[in-house]
Structures are given as structure tokens and as C-alpha cells.
Amino acid sequence: MSNKGKYRFLFIQPFQLPAGGKYADKYHTPEVSREKLLRMEYLNLEHLLEDVDWEIHGGPVAPYGDWAVETREEFAYVAAARLPIVREACESGKYNAIILLGGGEPGFMEAREIARQFGIPVTSCAFSQMHIASMLGNKFSIVDFTEVHNMFYYELVVKHRFTEQCASIRNINFYHARPGRDEDESTIDQERDKALRGEPSEAVERAVNEAVAAIQEDGAEVITLGCSDVFWLQSFLEKRLSDMGWEIPVLEGYSSAIALARLFVDLGVDASGLKFPTDRPKQWRRKKVF
């Protein structure tokens, strides 16, 4: 990677799974190309990266087991394991922005605190989608999977202060392959692969139904997507909703996080030192108000 390009981005996966494991998948192993890790086979990212020097880190090996993250406990393990990668990237001097992959953005706030010391912006998927969605319409809804992930994501909406702009979280109720799963139950990855092959996918149908309900019942004017394992739905939702006559933007996290990283670099900003102070700031405030 050149140290002279205008945009020098590092993408960091939330976790990687051991190759050949029972629950291994093709997007969380270091044995595939960077383009595949970034899911560029089905996400429209090329135009956002044409002038970007970029690398991707596979993330820490999942410290809790050999399956994809869904629960708060698993997110906490992954967040802590990803932070040393963020610090090492900042200390290297190679990058001028870091993009955290994964819809649940584990370790995002802590990564921003680390990176601000180096003047490096950090973006993530939920944060970026919510900010962009709030500029496109009055309210947005989130299409997501699994009850436990919905409630983790609910807390991200609160943390990012979008409770007034978020109309709803809509659950399509599919799961990752993981311990305790009914083997006869289709996973979100299997639904993705069917849809990408041009076959009928129940996940697509549920997502369309929930998106329409979000529009008609909840007042959503923008649709966003929760977990990164549902980002593949973006193109299907966009087309189906358009065909039905709904003129509504559908966002996904990777393109949103890239766009926001580019904006931060263009503006020459990273984060407020009042939101993310150093451990010994030159100025301090007697009172924090809400």
C-alpha cells in the first residue's frame, strides 16, 4: 500500500472462523480474496473504491467458538479482541481511515477513542447507515434477523441517539448456523445463496413484507439493514420495492461506511475530543449535560 494516496483505508472484519470448522463460512476465513471478504460479488462497492488504496484484515479468531456472532456475550468477546488490531493499524501510519465491518459494529466506540489519538477516523456499518438514512428521510426502519440480534441492535439505535428517527426494527427471523440450531431450518446464508442463484428465497419474501409493513405501518421513509449477513438483501429489496411503486432508498452498511470514511478524510476530521477525550486533556468540563 502506498502512503501517498488520498484515501488509505483498512477494513477490519469482526472475526474469523477456523477453516474447515463445523460452522465455517466463506466470508469469515482469511483464505479468500480481499474482494470476496468485502462481499463485492453482490455488493455495489467498486465505484466507491476506485481511487482508494485499501487492505482488509480478517479480524481476530472468534474467541468464543467456531460460529458467527449473534449474542451480547459474543459481541463483547469480539469487540475486545478487535481493539489490538485497531491500535496496531493506527501505529503503523499506513492508513488515514479505518472501517469496521460487521453490522453490530463490535468495539466501534473504543476504536474511535484509540484512533482519535492518531487523527484517524473510524466508521462502522450501523452508525453510518443511521446517519445517512436520517438525511434521506424523516424516519428509517431496520430489516434484521434473529430476536437476540434485534435487541443488540436496538441498543445501537439508542447509543447513536437515533430513537426519534428510527421507526422500527423488523425481524425476518433467520439464523446463522450455530449450536442449538434445528438442522431442518434454513440459515440466512443458505437463503442468500439461493437468492444469488436466482432461486426463490423465503428470506427475500419476508424482507419485502417487513419493509412494506415498515413503510405503511411504521412511517419509514428509508430502509436500512442490520447484520452484515443480511446486506445481500439490499439489491433484492431495492428492486422489489421499486417494482411495487415504492420510491424509497435501501441502504446497506459497507457502502455507507465507505462513503462516510471518504467524507471524514475529505473534511480532515476524525472525532470530537470532547466526546473522546484523552486520559489527560488540557481542558476539562465540570458538568456534562443531556
C-alpha atoms as a PDB file:
ATOM      1  CA  MET A   1       0.000   0.000   0.000  1.00  0.00           C
ATOM      2  CA  SER A   2       1.192   3.494  -0.885  1.00  0.00           C
ATOM      3  CA  ASN A   3       1.474   6.054   1.918  1.00  0.00           C
ATOM      4  CA  LYS A   4       0.778   8.889  -0.548  1.00  0.00           C
ATOM      5  CA  GLY A   5      -2.751   8.131  -1.793  1.00  0.00           C
ATOM      6  CA  LYS A   6      -5.570  10.425  -0.754  1.00  0.00           C
ATOM      7  CA  TYR A   7      -7.606   7.534   0.644  1.00  0.00           C
ATOM      8  CA  ARG A   8      -5.739   4.785   2.509  1.00  0.00           C
ATOM      9  CA  PHE A   9      -8.309   2.570   4.160  1.00  0.00           C
ATOM     10  CA  LEU A  10      -8.088  -0.528   6.315  1.00  0.00           C
ATOM     11  CA  PHE A  11     -11.174  -2.717   6.637  1.00  0.00           C
ATOM     12  CA  ILE A  12     -11.258  -4.932   9.723  1.00  0.00           C
ATOM     13  CA  GLN A  13     -13.563  -7.930   9.907  1.00  0.00           C
ATOM     14  CA  PRO A  14     -15.261  -8.514  13.273  1.00  0.00           C
ATOM     15  CA  PHE A  15     -13.994 -12.093  13.498  1.00  0.00           C
ATOM     16  CA  GLN A  16     -12.715 -15.019  11.500  1.00  0.00           C
ATOM     17  CA  LEU A  17     -13.702 -18.656  11.833  1.00  0.00           C
ATOM     18  CA  PRO A  18     -11.353 -21.637  11.627  1.00  0.00           C
ATOM     19  CA  ALA A  19     -11.294 -23.066   8.104  1.00  0.00           C
ATOM     20  CA  GLY A  20     -12.963 -26.460   7.954  1.00  0.00           C
ATOM     21  CA  GLY A  21     -14.888 -25.923  11.184  1.00  0.00           C
ATOM     22  CA  LYS A  22     -18.453 -27.137  11.552  1.00  0.00           C
ATOM     23  CA  TYR A  23     -19.842 -23.620  11.171  1.00  0.00           C
ATOM     24  CA  ALA A  24     -17.228 -22.150   8.828  1.00  0.00           C
ATOM     25  CA  ASP A  25     -18.467 -19.791   6.121  1.00  0.00           C
ATOM     26  CA  LYS A  26     -16.891 -18.296   3.031  1.00  0.00           C
ATOM     27  CA  TYR A  27     -16.867 -14.688   4.260  1.00  0.00           C
ATOM     28  CA  HIS A  28     -15.053 -15.177   7.564  1.00  0.00           C
ATOM     29  CA  THR A  29     -11.914 -17.009   6.537  1.00  0.00           C
ATOM     30  CA  PRO A  30      -8.554 -15.461   5.586  1.00  0.00           C
ATOM     31  CA  GLU A  31      -8.177 -17.974   2.772  1.00  0.00           C
ATOM     32  CA  VAL A  32     -10.207 -15.994   0.226  1.00  0.00           C
ATOM     33  CA  SER A  33      -9.502 -12.806  -1.714  1.00  0.00           C
ATOM     34  CA  ARG A  34      -9.982  -9.363  -0.220  1.00  0.00           C
ATOM     35  CA  GLU A  35     -12.775  -8.701  -2.718  1.00  0.00           C
ATOM     36  CA  LYS A  36     -14.660 -11.775  -1.540  1.00  0.00           C
ATOM     37  CA  LEU A  37     -14.160 -10.847   2.115  1.00  0.00           C
ATOM     38  CA  LEU A  38     -15.722  -7.485   1.276  1.00  0.00           C
ATOM     39  CA  ARG A  39     -18.606  -9.313  -0.448  1.00  0.00           C
ATOM     40  CA  MET A  40     -18.041  -7.426  -3.672  1.00  0.00           C
ATOM     41  CA  GLU A  41     -19.601 -10.280  -5.631  1.00  0.00           C
ATOM     42  CA  TYR A  42     -23.008  -8.940  -4.635  1.00  0.00           C
ATOM     43  CA  LEU A  43     -22.472  -5.501  -3.048  1.00  0.00           C
ATOM     44  CA  ASN A  44     -22.048  -2.465  -5.304  1.00  0.00           C
ATOM     45  CA  LEU A  45     -18.788  -1.094  -3.891  1.00  0.00           C
ATOM     46  CA  GLU A  46     -16.428  -0.797  -6.859  1.00  0.00           C
ATOM     47  CA  HIS A  47     -17.191   2.855  -7.629  1.00  0.00           C
ATOM     48  CA  LEU A  48     -16.508   3.810  -4.014  1.00  0.00           C
ATOM     49  CA  LEU A  49     -13.085   2.145  -4.022  1.00  0.00           C
ATOM     50  CA  GLU A  50     -11.751   3.062  -7.483  1.00  0.00           C
ATOM     51  CA  ASP A  51      -9.425   5.737  -6.082  1.00  0.00           C
ATOM     52  CA  VAL A  52      -8.823   4.090  -2.700  1.00  0.00           C
ATOM     53  CA  ASP A  53      -5.714   2.197  -1.622  1.00  0.00           C
ATOM     54  CA  TRP A  54      -7.187  -0.426   0.656  1.00  0.00           C
ATOM     55  CA  GLU A  55      -6.388  -3.533   2.616  1.00  0.00           C
ATOM     56  CA  ILE A  56      -8.545  -5.850   4.683  1.00  0.00           C
ATOM     57  CA  HIS A  57      -7.739  -7.595   7.945  1.00  0.00           C
ATOM     58  CA  GLY A  58      -9.585 -10.830   8.637  1.00  0.00           C
ATOM     59  CA  GLY A  59     -10.187  -9.866  12.245  1.00  0.00           C
ATOM     60  CA  PRO A  60      -9.486 -11.884  15.372  1.00  0.00           C
ATOM     61  CA  VAL A  61     -10.209 -15.587  15.504  1.00  0.00           C
ATOM     62  CA  ALA A  62     -13.587 -15.804  17.240  1.00  0.00           C
ATOM     63  CA  PRO A  63     -12.667 -16.242  20.911  1.00  0.00           C
ATOM     64  CA  TYR A  64     -15.988 -17.779  21.957  1.00  0.00           C
ATOM     65  CA  GLY A  65     -16.300 -20.679  19.471  1.00  0.00           C
ATOM     66  CA  ASP A  66     -16.401 -21.567  15.777  1.00  0.00           C
ATOM     67  CA  TRP A  67     -19.677 -19.902  14.803  1.00  0.00           C
ATOM     68  CA  ALA A  68     -20.790 -16.400  13.780  1.00  0.00           C
ATOM     69  CA  VAL A  69     -21.545 -13.765  16.399  1.00  0.00           C
ATOM     70  CA  GLU A  70     -25.148 -13.079  17.474  1.00  0.00           C
ATOM     71  CA  THR A  71     -25.401 -12.596  21.255  1.00  0.00           C
ATOM     72  CA  ARG A  72     -24.264  -9.752  23.501  1.00  0.00           C
ATOM     73  CA  GLU A  73     -21.695 -12.031  25.130  1.00  0.00           C
ATOM     74  CA  GLU A  74     -20.206 -12.957  21.756  1.00  0.00           C
ATOM     75  CA  PHE A  75     -20.135  -9.325  20.647  1.00  0.00           C
ATOM     76  CA  ALA A  76     -18.268  -8.386  23.846  1.00  0.00           C
ATOM     77  CA  TYR A  77     -15.587 -11.021  23.218  1.00  0.00           C
ATOM     78  CA  VAL A  78     -15.151  -9.938  19.613  1.00  0.00           C
ATOM     79  CA  ALA A  79     -15.013  -6.237  20.484  1.00  0.00           C
ATOM     80  CA  ALA A  80     -12.155  -6.744  22.933  1.00  0.00           C
ATOM     81  CA  ALA A  81     -10.277  -8.982  20.506  1.00  0.00           C
ATOM     82  CA  ARG A  82     -10.524  -6.479  17.641  1.00  0.00           C
ATOM     83  CA  LEU A  83      -9.111  -3.471  19.506  1.00  0.00           C
ATOM     84  CA  PRO A  84      -5.424  -4.509  19.396  1.00  0.00           C
ATOM     85  CA  ILE A  85      -5.761  -4.736  15.599  1.00  0.00           C
ATOM     86  CA  VAL A  86      -7.114  -1.182  15.530  1.00  0.00           C
ATOM     87  CA  ARG A  87      -4.236   0.115  17.653  1.00  0.00           C
ATOM     88  CA  GLU A  88      -1.622  -1.665  15.556  1.00  0.00           C
ATOM     89  CA  ALA A  89      -3.140  -0.218  12.374  1.00  0.00           C
ATOM     90  CA  CYS A  90      -3.086   3.300  13.816  1.00  0.00           C
ATOM     91  CA  GLU A  91       0.503   2.972  14.999  1.00  0.00           C
ATOM     92  CA  SER A  92       1.629   1.734  11.571  1.00  0.00           C
ATOM     93  CA  GLY A  93       0.986   5.129   9.945  1.00  0.00           C
ATOM     94  CA  LYS A  94      -0.232   3.379   6.788  1.00  0.00           C
ATOM     95  CA  TYR A  95      -3.907   4.332   6.921  1.00  0.00           C
ATOM     96  CA  ASN A  96      -5.939   7.523   7.102  1.00  0.00           C
ATOM     97  CA  ALA A  97      -9.258   5.800   7.857  1.00  0.00           C
ATOM     98  CA  ILE A  98     -10.377   2.533   9.405  1.00  0.00           C
ATOM     99  CA  ILE A  99     -13.661   0.858   8.534  1.00  0.00           C
ATOM    100  CA  LEU A 100     -15.026  -1.709  10.970  1.00  0.00           C
ATOM    101  CA  LEU A 101     -17.009  -4.405   9.194  1.00  0.00           C
ATOM    102  CA  GLY A 102     -19.909  -6.252  10.783  1.00  0.00           C
ATOM    103  CA  GLY A 103     -23.433  -4.918  11.216  1.00  0.00           C
ATOM    104  CA  GLY A 104     -23.265  -4.943  15.024  1.00  0.00           C
ATOM    105  CA  GLU A 105     -20.016  -2.916  14.928  1.00  0.00           C
ATOM    106  CA  PRO A 106     -18.311  -4.526  17.965  1.00  0.00           C
ATOM    107  CA  GLY A 107     -15.720  -2.233  19.540  1.00  0.00           C
ATOM    108  CA  PHE A 108     -16.686   0.822  17.498  1.00  0.00           C
ATOM    109  CA  MET A 109     -16.684   3.446  20.242  1.00  0.00           C
ATOM    110  CA  GLU A 110     -13.487   2.076  21.748  1.00  0.00           C
ATOM    111  CA  ALA A 111     -11.852   2.013  18.311  1.00  0.00           C
ATOM    112  CA  ARG A 112     -12.766   5.676  17.793  1.00  0.00           C
ATOM    113  CA  GLU A 113     -11.175   6.534  21.127  1.00  0.00           C
ATOM    114  CA  ILE A 114      -7.948   4.777  20.100  1.00  0.00           C
ATOM    115  CA  ALA A 115      -7.852   6.209  16.583  1.00  0.00           C
ATOM    116  CA  ARG A 116      -8.569   9.800  17.617  1.00  0.00           C
ATOM    117  CA  GLN A 117      -5.170   9.887  19.320  1.00  0.00           C
ATOM    118  CA  PHE A 118      -3.686   9.401  15.842  1.00  0.00           C
ATOM    119  CA  GLY A 119      -6.082  11.704  13.967  1.00  0.00           C
ATOM    120  CA  ILE A 120      -7.653   8.751  12.145  1.00  0.00           C
ATOM    121  CA  PRO A 121     -11.428   8.490  11.593  1.00  0.00           C
ATOM    122  CA  VAL A 122     -13.188   5.187  12.199  1.00  0.00           C
ATOM    123  CA  THR A 123     -16.521   4.329  10.616  1.00  0.00           C
ATOM    124  CA  SER A 124     -18.839   1.359  11.026  1.00  0.00           C
ATOM    125  CA  CYS A 125     -21.954  -0.075   9.477  1.00  0.00           C
ATOM    126  CA  ALA A 126     -24.818   0.760  11.836  1.00  0.00           C
ATOM    127  CA  PHE A 127     -23.513   4.236  12.681  1.00  0.00           C
ATOM    128  CA  SER A 128     -23.012   5.118   9.020  1.00  0.00           C
ATOM    129  CA  GLN A 129     -26.371   3.810   7.831  1.00  0.00           C
ATOM    130  CA  MET A 130     -28.269   5.664  10.540  1.00  0.00           C
ATOM    131  CA  HIS A 131     -26.581   8.974   9.813  1.00  0.00           C
ATOM    132  CA  ILE A 132     -27.079   8.698   6.058  1.00  0.00           C
ATOM    133  CA  ALA A 133     -30.669   7.482   6.449  1.00  0.00           C
ATOM    134  CA  SER A 134     -31.507  10.471   8.637  1.00  0.00           C
ATOM    135  CA  MET A 135     -30.501  12.778   5.776  1.00  0.00           C
ATOM    136  CA  LEU A 136     -32.668  10.950   3.239  1.00  0.00           C
ATOM    137  CA  GLY A 137     -35.986  10.845   5.053  1.00  0.00           C
ATOM    138  CA  ASN A 138     -37.759  11.660   8.301  1.00  0.00           C
ATOM    139  CA  LYS A 139     -37.667   8.109   9.649  1.00  0.00           C
ATOM    140  CA  PHE A 140     -35.903   4.867   8.809  1.00  0.00           C
ATOM    141  CA  SER A 141     -36.587   1.233   9.629  1.00  0.00           C
ATOM    142  CA  ILE A 142     -34.096  -1.591  10.062  1.00  0.00           C
ATOM    143  CA  VAL A 143     -34.634  -5.012   8.496  1.00  0.00           C
ATOM    144  CA  ASP A 144     -32.686  -7.541  10.543  1.00  0.00           C
ATOM    145  CA  PHE A 145     -32.569 -11.207  11.509  1.00  0.00           C
ATOM    146  CA  THR A 146     -32.909 -13.054  14.864  1.00  0.00           C
ATOM    147  CA  GLU A 147     -34.558 -11.791  18.015  1.00  0.00           C
ATOM    148  CA  VAL A 148     -31.316 -11.623  20.003  1.00  0.00           C
ATOM    149  CA  HIS A 149     -29.539  -9.600  17.304  1.00  0.00           C
ATOM    150  CA  ASN A 150     -32.557  -7.276  17.042  1.00  0.00           C
ATOM    151  CA  MET A 151     -32.245  -6.387  20.710  1.00  0.00           C
ATOM    152  CA  PHE A 152     -28.487  -5.875  20.478  1.00  0.00           C
ATOM    153  CA  TYR A 153     -29.092  -3.577  17.504  1.00  0.00           C
ATOM    154  CA  TYR A 154     -31.869  -1.784  19.411  1.00  0.00           C
ATOM    155  CA  GLU A 155     -29.193  -0.634  21.850  1.00  0.00           C
ATOM    156  CA  LEU A 156     -27.082   0.703  18.965  1.00  0.00           C
ATOM    157  CA  VAL A 157     -30.008   2.903  17.908  1.00  0.00           C
ATOM    158  CA  VAL A 158     -30.156   4.289  21.450  1.00  0.00           C
ATOM    159  CA  LYS A 159     -26.368   4.677  21.699  1.00  0.00           C
ATOM    160  CA  HIS A 160     -26.185   6.598  18.428  1.00  0.00           C
ATOM    161  CA  ARG A 161     -29.105   8.823  19.528  1.00  0.00           C
ATOM    162  CA  PHE A 162     -31.487   7.909  16.710  1.00  0.00           C
ATOM    163  CA  THR A 163     -34.525   6.864  18.722  1.00  0.00           C
ATOM    164  CA  GLU A 164     -36.533   9.762  17.262  1.00  0.00           C
ATOM    165  CA  GLN A 165     -35.570   8.893  13.678  1.00  0.00           C
ATOM    166  CA  CYS A 166     -35.817   5.094  13.879  1.00  0.00           C
ATOM    167  CA  ALA A 167     -39.343   3.953  13.083  1.00  0.00           C
ATOM    168  CA  SER A 168     -38.814   0.265  13.860  1.00  0.00           C
ATOM    169  CA  ILE A 169     -36.682  -2.844  13.702  1.00  0.00           C
ATOM    170  CA  ARG A 170     -38.327  -5.519  11.568  1.00  0.00           C
ATOM    171  CA  ASN A 171     -37.337  -9.162  12.127  1.00  0.00           C
ATOM    172  CA  ILE A 172     -37.257 -11.745   9.316  1.00  0.00           C
ATOM    173  CA  ASN A 173     -36.299 -14.474  11.843  1.00  0.00           C
ATOM    174  CA  PHE A 174     -33.493 -16.408  10.175  1.00  0.00           C
ATOM    175  CA  TYR A 175     -30.359 -17.553  11.965  1.00  0.00           C
ATOM    176  CA  HIS A 176     -26.711 -18.339  11.427  1.00  0.00           C
ATOM    177  CA  ALA A 177     -25.544 -21.930  11.513  1.00  0.00           C
ATOM    178  CA  ARG A 178     -24.623 -22.308  15.188  1.00  0.00           C
ATOM    179  CA  PRO A 179     -25.019 -24.665  18.167  1.00  0.00           C
ATOM    180  CA  GLY A 180     -28.622 -25.442  19.052  1.00  0.00           C
ATOM    181  CA  ARG A 181     -29.961 -24.765  15.580  1.00  0.00           C
ATOM    182  CA  ASP A 182     -32.615 -27.055  14.133  1.00  0.00           C
ATOM    183  CA  GLU A 183     -30.823 -28.811  11.267  1.00  0.00           C
ATOM    184  CA  ASP A 184     -34.001 -28.693   9.166  1.00  0.00           C
ATOM    185  CA  GLU A 185     -34.145 -24.906   9.481  1.00  0.00           C
ATOM    186  CA  SER A 186     -32.755 -22.850   6.595  1.00  0.00           C
ATOM    187  CA  THR A 187     -29.973 -20.436   7.625  1.00  0.00           C
ATOM    188  CA  ILE A 188     -29.593 -16.858   6.465  1.00  0.00           C
ATOM    189  CA  ASP A 189     -26.518 -17.937   4.476  1.00  0.00           C
ATOM    190  CA  GLN A 190     -28.478 -20.660   2.691  1.00  0.00           C
ATOM    191  CA  GLU A 191     -31.197 -18.151   1.867  1.00  0.00           C
ATOM    192  CA  ARG A 192     -28.570 -15.768   0.461  1.00  0.00           C
ATOM    193  CA  ASP A 193     -27.052 -18.445  -1.736  1.00  0.00           C
ATOM    194  CA  LYS A 194     -30.463 -19.440  -3.096  1.00  0.00           C
ATOM    195  CA  ALA A 195     -31.329 -15.858  -3.953  1.00  0.00           C
ATOM    196  CA  LEU A 196     -27.975 -15.220  -5.640  1.00  0.00           C
ATOM    197  CA  ARG A 197     -28.512 -18.346  -7.772  1.00  0.00           C
ATOM    198  CA  GLY A 198     -31.847 -16.928  -8.892  1.00  0.00           C
ATOM    199  CA  GLU A 199     -33.889 -19.378  -6.832  1.00  0.00           C
ATOM    200  CA  PRO A 200     -36.855 -18.448  -4.622  1.00  0.00           C
ATOM    201  CA  SER A 201     -35.788 -17.309  -1.154  1.00  0.00           C
ATOM    202  CA  GLU A 202     -38.099 -17.098   1.827  1.00  0.00           C
ATOM    203  CA  ALA A 203     -35.747 -14.534   3.379  1.00  0.00           C
ATOM    204  CA  VAL A 204     -36.315 -12.201   0.436  1.00  0.00           C
ATOM    205  CA  GLU A 205     -40.085 -12.599   0.705  1.00  0.00           C
ATOM    206  CA  ARG A 206     -40.078 -11.923   4.428  1.00  0.00           C
ATOM    207  CA  ALA A 207     -37.788  -8.918   3.977  1.00  0.00           C
ATOM    208  CA  VAL A 208     -40.073  -7.428   1.321  1.00  0.00           C
ATOM    209  CA  ASN A 209     -43.133  -7.972   3.512  1.00  0.00           C
ATOM    210  CA  GLU A 210     -41.458  -6.402   6.534  1.00  0.00           C
ATOM    211  CA  ALA A 211     -40.150  -3.455   4.515  1.00  0.00           C
ATOM    212  CA  VAL A 212     -43.627  -2.728   3.154  1.00  0.00           C
ATOM    213  CA  ALA A 213     -45.063  -3.019   6.659  1.00  0.00           C
ATOM    214  CA  ALA A 214     -42.380  -0.618   7.913  1.00  0.00           C
ATOM    215  CA  ILE A 215     -43.458   1.880   5.254  1.00  0.00           C
ATOM    216  CA  GLN A 216     -47.202   1.516   5.693  1.00  0.00           C
ATOM    217  CA  GLU A 217     -47.471   0.886   9.432  1.00  0.00           C
ATOM    218  CA  ASP A 218     -44.367   2.472  10.982  1.00  0.00           C
ATOM    219  CA  GLY A 219     -43.810   5.532   8.803  1.00  0.00           C
ATOM    220  CA  ALA A 220     -40.409   4.502   7.449  1.00  0.00           C
ATOM    221  CA  GLU A 221     -39.097   6.607   4.558  1.00  0.00           C
ATOM    222  CA  VAL A 222     -35.737   4.821   4.314  1.00  0.00           C
ATOM    223  CA  ILE A 223     -34.880   1.133   4.768  1.00  0.00           C
ATOM    224  CA  THR A 224     -31.594   0.074   6.350  1.00  0.00           C
ATOM    225  CA  LEU A 225     -30.182  -3.382   7.072  1.00  0.00           C
ATOM    226  CA  GLY A 226     -28.941  -4.734  10.397  1.00  0.00           C
ATOM    227  CA  CYS A 227     -26.482  -7.632  10.457  1.00  0.00           C
ATOM    228  CA  SER A 228     -23.906  -7.751   7.664  1.00  0.00           C
ATOM    229  CA  ASP A 229     -25.264 -11.190   6.797  1.00  0.00           C
ATOM    230  CA  VAL A 230     -28.446  -9.523   5.553  1.00  0.00           C
ATOM    231  CA  PHE A 231     -26.686  -6.839   3.476  1.00  0.00           C
ATOM    232  CA  TRP A 232     -27.148  -9.070   0.424  1.00  0.00           C
ATOM    233  CA  LEU A 233     -30.852  -8.242   0.619  1.00  0.00           C
ATOM    234  CA  GLN A 234     -30.189  -4.640  -0.460  1.00  0.00           C
ATOM    235  CA  SER A 235     -30.401  -5.158  -4.219  1.00  0.00           C
ATOM    236  CA  PHE A 236     -33.395  -7.505  -3.927  1.00  0.00           C
ATOM    237  CA  LEU A 237     -35.302  -5.119  -1.678  1.00  0.00           C
ATOM    238  CA  GLU A 238     -34.445  -2.113  -3.817  1.00  0.00           C
ATOM    239  CA  LYS A 239     -35.791  -3.780  -6.971  1.00  0.00           C
ATOM    240  CA  ARG A 240     -38.863  -5.350  -5.434  1.00  0.00           C
ATOM    241  CA  LEU A 241     -39.923  -2.173  -3.662  1.00  0.00           C
ATOM    242  CA  SER A 242     -39.328  -0.118  -6.804  1.00  0.00           C
ATOM    243  CA  ASP A 243     -41.369  -2.583  -8.869  1.00  0.00           C
ATOM    244  CA  MET A 244     -44.199  -2.142  -6.357  1.00  0.00           C
ATOM    245  CA  GLY A 245     -44.044   1.625  -6.795  1.00  0.00           C
ATOM    246  CA  TRP A 246     -42.279   2.498  -3.529  1.00  0.00           C
ATOM    247  CA  GLU A 247     -39.724   5.248  -4.141  1.00  0.00           C
ATOM    248  CA  ILE A 248     -37.608   4.537  -1.078  1.00  0.00           C
ATOM    249  CA  PRO A 249     -33.833   4.291  -0.577  1.00  0.00           C
ATOM    250  CA  VAL A 250     -32.461   0.970   0.697  1.00  0.00           C
ATOM    251  CA  LEU A 251     -29.071   1.200   2.404  1.00  0.00           C
ATOM    252  CA  GLU A 252     -26.511  -1.387   3.486  1.00  0.00           C
ATOM    253  CA  GLY A 253     -23.621  -0.934   5.861  1.00  0.00           C
ATOM    254  CA  TYR A 254     -20.470  -1.455   3.806  1.00  0.00           C
ATOM    255  CA  SER A 255     -21.138   1.211   1.173  1.00  0.00           C
ATOM    256  CA  SER A 256     -22.420   3.589   3.851  1.00  0.00           C
ATOM    257  CA  ALA A 257     -19.296   3.130   5.987  1.00  0.00           C
ATOM    258  CA  ILE A 258     -17.005   3.656   2.983  1.00  0.00           C
ATOM    259  CA  ALA A 259     -18.870   6.811   1.953  1.00  0.00           C
ATOM    260  CA  LEU A 260     -18.652   8.232   5.464  1.00  0.00           C
ATOM    261  CA  ALA A 261     -14.937   7.403   5.722  1.00  0.00           C
ATOM    262  CA  ARG A 262     -14.324   9.272   2.471  1.00  0.00           C
ATOM    263  CA  LEU A 263     -16.265  12.257   3.815  1.00  0.00           C
ATOM    264  CA  PHE A 264     -14.270  12.364   7.051  1.00  0.00           C
ATOM    265  CA  VAL A 265     -10.986  12.242   5.133  1.00  0.00           C
ATOM    266  CA  ASP A 266     -12.183  14.978   2.757  1.00  0.00           C
ATOM    267  CA  LEU A 267     -13.158  17.183   5.702  1.00  0.00           C
ATOM    268  CA  GLY A 268      -9.967  16.424   7.608  1.00  0.00           C
ATOM    269  CA  VAL A 269     -11.845  15.363  10.751  1.00  0.00           C
ATOM    270  CA  ASP A 270     -11.907  12.259  12.927  1.00  0.00           C
ATOM    271  CA  ALA A 271     -13.949  12.732  16.128  1.00  0.00           C
ATOM    272  CA  SER A 272     -14.590  15.351  18.784  1.00  0.00           C
ATOM    273  CA  GLY A 273     -12.009  15.438  21.544  1.00  0.00           C
ATOM    274  CA  LEU A 274     -14.825  16.293  23.947  1.00  0.00           C
ATOM    275  CA  LYS A 275     -16.703  13.103  23.110  1.00  0.00           C
ATOM    276  CA  PHE A 276     -13.473  11.081  23.101  1.00  0.00           C
ATOM    277  CA  PRO A 277     -11.067  12.883  25.461  1.00  0.00           C
ATOM    278  CA  THR A 278      -7.536  11.704  26.123  1.00  0.00           C
ATOM    279  CA  ASP A 279      -6.778  10.448  29.616  1.00  0.00           C
ATOM    280  CA  ARG A 280      -5.218  13.846  30.474  1.00  0.00           C
ATOM    281  CA  PRO A 281      -6.984  16.534  28.410  1.00  0.00           C
ATOM    282  CA  LYS A 282      -5.680  20.091  28.559  1.00  0.00           C
ATOM    283  CA  GLN A 283      -9.192  21.346  29.254  1.00  0.00           C
ATOM    284  CA  TRP A 284     -11.947  19.592  31.203  1.00  0.00           C
ATOM    285  CA  ARG A 285     -15.595  20.305  31.907  1.00  0.00           C
ATOM    286  CA  ARG A 286     -17.149  20.454  35.366  1.00  0.00           C
ATOM    287  CA  LYS A 287     -20.510  19.259  34.099  1.00  0.00           C
ATOM    288  CA  LYS A 288     -21.888  17.025  31.361  1.00  0.00           C
ATOM    289  CA  VAL A 289     -25.498  17.649  30.392  1.00  0.00           C
ATOM    290  CA  PHE A 290     -28.017  15.526  28.484  1.00  0.00           C
END
